[in-house]
Amino acid sequence: MQPIYSCLFVMSILAAGSIFSDTQYEEELYDVLSSHKFFSAFFEQKTTSNELERKIRGEIIADRSGRFKITYFDPFNEVISSDGKDVYRYDPELEQAEVQPLDDLLKETPIGLFSLETKELKKIFLLDWCKKMGSIMKCKLSPIKEVSFIREVILDIRNKLIYKLEYRDTFNQNISINFKNPSLKEIPINEFKFIIPKGIDIVGTTNNLE
C-alpha cells in the first residue's frame, strides 16, 4: 500500500493582478477558513512528478473536529477516513484496511486546512501573500516548520469558498486539486464513520474499532 501522504491533498503565479501584503488579506483569508466548519465537494486531482502526470477523481467531506473522508472513484477505488482519533485507509482491490492513530497527520498534510481550527492553522502556516484577480482571491501559505511534508500551498477562493488547492511536497510532486460544487452544508457525524468490511485484512492497531 502507498503511504497515506501520497494520496492526500503549486502552480506558477499569473502575471495579472496585484500582490498585497499578508496583513491586508490575512484576516479575510482566515475568516473564510473559519467559516468552513464543514466542507464537501467532488474533486479532480492532478499530480505531476518527473514530467509524468496522473489524474484522480473523488469526493471529500470534512469538518473542524478532525474528521474527514476522501473517496477516490477513478482510476482506482479507495477510501481514506478519519473519525478524529484514527485514520482508516481501505483498498477494496487488495481487500486490506490500514488503521493508524491520527497523531500529527492533519498538521503535516493539506487535509488540515479543512479539519483544523484557525488557531491551529496559524501555528502551522505563514501567509506569504494574497492577491485579488477579479472575483478570485489567491493566497500562498508556507509551513513554519523547516522540515515539513508540504513545501507550499496555494488556495483559490471565490465567494468565500475554496475552489482550488495546489501544493508541492517533499517528493517534488506538484498536486493540483479542483473542487466541484463545494458546499459548507452541515455534515452528520455518521457520514464520517468507517466500518471495516468483514473478512478484510487489517494492518495497524487502534483502540477505536467497533
Foldseek 3Di string as FASTA:
>chain_A
DDDPQVPAAEDDDDPDFDWDACVVCVVVVLVLLQLLQKKKFKKWKWKADPNDIDIWTWIKIEGQLQWIWIFTDPPATWIWTDLSFKIWIQHVVLLAIEIDTCPCVLLQHPCVSNHHHSVVVVQFWDWGIWTDDPQWIKTKIAGPDPDGQWGIKIFIDGPSDTQKIWTAGPSRMTMIMGTDPMDSDDDDSVVRDDARDPPGHYHYDDPPHD
